C-alpha atoms as a PDB file:
ATOM      1  CA  MET A   1       0.041  -0.371  -0.167  1.00  0.00           C
ATOM      2  CA  ARG A   2       1.380   2.980  -1.027  1.00  0.00           C
ATOM      3  CA  ASP A   3       1.400   5.536   2.165  1.00  0.00           C
ATOM      4  CA  ILE A   4       3.899   8.434   1.006  1.00  0.00           C
ATOM      5  CA  ALA A   5       3.119  10.981  -1.603  1.00  0.00           C
ATOM      6  CA  ILE A   6       6.161  12.174  -4.657  1.00  0.00           C
ATOM      7  CA  ASN A   7       4.934  15.564  -6.131  1.00  0.00           C
ATOM      8  CA  LEU A   8       6.872  17.468  -9.298  1.00  0.00           C
ATOM      9  CA  ARG A   9       6.736  19.662 -11.627  1.00  0.00           C
ATOM     10  CA  ALA A  10       6.354  19.186 -15.132  1.00  0.00           C
ATOM     11  CA  ARG A  11       5.597  20.801 -18.884  1.00  0.00           C
ATOM     12  CA  SER A  12       2.436  20.137 -20.379  1.00  0.00           C
ATOM     13  CA  ASP A  13       4.451  18.404 -23.269  1.00  0.00           C
ATOM     14  CA  GLN A  14       6.450  15.580 -20.768  1.00  0.00           C
ATOM     15  CA  ARG A  15       2.841  15.287 -19.214  1.00  0.00           C
ATOM     16  CA  ASP A  16       1.539  14.647 -22.565  1.00  0.00           C
ATOM     17  CA  LEU A  17       4.597  12.137 -23.568  1.00  0.00           C
ATOM     18  CA  ILE A  18       4.705  10.327 -20.091  1.00  0.00           C
ATOM     19  CA  ASP A  19       0.679   9.552 -20.565  1.00  0.00           C
ATOM     20  CA  ARG A  20       1.063   8.102 -23.944  1.00  0.00           C
ATOM     21  CA  ALA A  21       4.039   5.792 -22.868  1.00  0.00           C
ATOM     22  CA  ALA A  22       2.181   4.649 -19.387  1.00  0.00           C
ATOM     23  CA  GLY A  23      -1.331   4.336 -22.536  1.00  0.00           C
ATOM     24  CA  ALA A  24       0.741   2.345 -24.701  1.00  0.00           C
ATOM     25  CA  LEU A  25       1.513   0.006 -21.604  1.00  0.00           C
ATOM     26  CA  GLY A  26      -2.185  -0.294 -20.063  1.00  0.00           C
ATOM     27  CA  ARG A  27      -0.741   1.814 -17.497  1.00  0.00           C
ATOM     28  CA  ASN A  28      -1.971   5.077 -15.565  1.00  0.00           C
ATOM     29  CA  ARG A  29       0.290   8.126 -14.929  1.00  0.00           C
ATOM     30  CA  SER A  30       1.458   7.262 -11.175  1.00  0.00           C
ATOM     31  CA  ASP A  31       2.346   3.761 -11.773  1.00  0.00           C
ATOM     32  CA  PHE A  32       4.604   4.145 -15.077  1.00  0.00           C
ATOM     33  CA  MET A  33       6.176   6.957 -13.451  1.00  0.00           C
ATOM     34  CA  LEU A  34       6.895   5.131 -10.079  1.00  0.00           C
ATOM     35  CA  GLU A  35       8.393   2.188 -12.007  1.00  0.00           C
ATOM     36  CA  ALA A  36      10.872   4.169 -14.335  1.00  0.00           C
ATOM     37  CA  ALA A  37      11.876   6.134 -11.308  1.00  0.00           C
ATOM     38  CA  CYS A  38      12.731   2.731  -9.890  1.00  0.00           C
ATOM     39  CA  GLU A  39      14.061   1.148 -12.482  1.00  0.00           C
ATOM     40  CA  LYS A  40      16.366   4.344 -13.066  1.00  0.00           C
ATOM     41  CA  ALA A  41      17.063   4.512  -9.240  1.00  0.00           C
ATOM     42  CA  GLN A  42      18.094   0.712  -9.318  1.00  0.00           C
ATOM     43  CA  ALA A  43      20.558   1.141 -12.301  1.00  0.00           C
ATOM     44  CA  ILE A  44      22.102   3.932 -10.550  1.00  0.00           C
ATOM     45  CA  VAL A  45      22.457   1.733  -7.298  1.00  0.00           C
ATOM     46  CA  LEU A  46      23.632  -1.026  -8.953  1.00  0.00           C
ATOM     47  CA  ASP A  47      26.057   0.741 -11.042  1.00  0.00           C
ATOM     48  CA  ARG A  48      27.895   1.981  -8.112  1.00  0.00           C
ATOM     49  CA  THR A  49      32.170   0.663  -8.119  1.00  0.00           C
ATOM     50  CA  LEU A  50      32.479   2.252  -4.319  1.00  0.00           C
ATOM     51  CA  PHE A  51      30.822   1.435  -1.258  1.00  0.00           C
ATOM     52  CA  ALA A  52      32.140   1.759   2.348  1.00  0.00           C
ATOM     53  CA  LEU A  53      31.577  -0.818   5.047  1.00  0.00           C
ATOM     54  CA  ASP A  54      33.014  -0.772   8.519  1.00  0.00           C
ATOM     55  CA  LYS A  55      35.159  -3.327  10.011  1.00  0.00           C
ATOM     56  CA  MET A  56      32.771  -5.516  11.147  1.00  0.00           C
ATOM     57  CA  ALA A  57      30.458  -5.390   7.834  1.00  0.00           C
ATOM     58  CA  PHE A  58      33.946  -5.957   5.831  1.00  0.00           C
ATOM     59  CA  GLU A  59      34.774  -8.916   7.385  1.00  0.00           C
ATOM     60  CA  ARG A  60      31.347 -10.328   6.892  1.00  0.00           C
ATOM     61  CA  PHE A  61      31.378  -9.287   2.884  1.00  0.00           C
ATOM     62  CA  ASN A  62      34.497 -10.982   2.706  1.00  0.00           C
ATOM     63  CA  ALA A  63      33.667 -14.549   4.051  1.00  0.00           C
ATOM     64  CA  LEU A  64      30.711 -14.422   2.014  1.00  0.00           C
ATOM     65  CA  LEU A  65      33.550 -14.009  -0.790  1.00  0.00           C
ATOM     66  CA  ASP A  66      35.255 -16.810   0.234  1.00  0.00           C
ATOM     67  CA  ALA A  67      32.423 -19.042   1.375  1.00  0.00           C
ATOM     68  CA  SER A  68      32.370 -22.673  -0.739  1.00  0.00           C
ATOM     69  CA  ILE A  69      29.498 -22.047  -3.376  1.00  0.00           C
ATOM     70  CA  GLU A  70      26.875 -24.816  -3.434  1.00  0.00           C
ATOM     71  CA  ALA A  71      26.016 -26.690  -5.538  1.00  0.00           C
ATOM     72  CA  ASN A  72      23.249 -25.845  -7.709  1.00  0.00           C
ATOM     73  CA  PRO A  73      22.277 -28.328 -10.890  1.00  0.00           C
ATOM     74  CA  ALA A  74      19.893 -25.602 -12.355  1.00  0.00           C
ATOM     75  CA  LEU A  75      22.633 -23.014 -12.861  1.00  0.00           C
ATOM     76  CA  ASP A  76      25.053 -24.795 -14.102  1.00  0.00           C
ATOM     77  CA  ARG A  77      22.453 -26.097 -16.719  1.00  0.00           C
ATOM     78  CA  LEU A  78      20.936 -22.833 -17.544  1.00  0.00           C
ATOM     79  CA  LEU A  79      24.973 -21.389 -18.118  1.00  0.00           C
ATOM     80  CA  ALA A  80      25.568 -24.390 -20.065  1.00  0.00           C
ATOM     81  CA  ARG A  81      22.803 -23.871 -22.304  1.00  0.00           C
ATOM     82  CA  ARG A  82      23.940 -21.719 -26.001  1.00  0.00           C
ATOM     83  CA  PRO A  83      22.016 -18.183 -25.646  1.00  0.00           C
ATOM     84  CA  GLN A  84      19.399 -17.440 -28.264  1.00  0.00           C
ATOM     85  CA  TRP A  85      21.219 -14.691 -29.663  1.00  0.00           C
ATOM     86  CA  ALA A  86      23.817 -17.036 -30.796  1.00  0.00           C
ATOM     87  CA  LYS A  87      21.981 -19.971 -32.013  1.00  0.00           C
END
């Protein structure tokens, strides 16, 4: 359930473009804008290459990196498949 309002101002041509795109996907303006903003925010967060950790978090991070990998047959099958675009 949404309980926070996010307000912004836009030009009418920007609103019209957003409305056209949202309509093309069968969505309303709010849903479309929220999804687009979240996708962009997630991409930015995931693209960060530098991050700071305190000593305890760094030790936990290293432990996770050093931990042995559990067998995952489904992942092995997926990685062994030839990509669709390479066929």
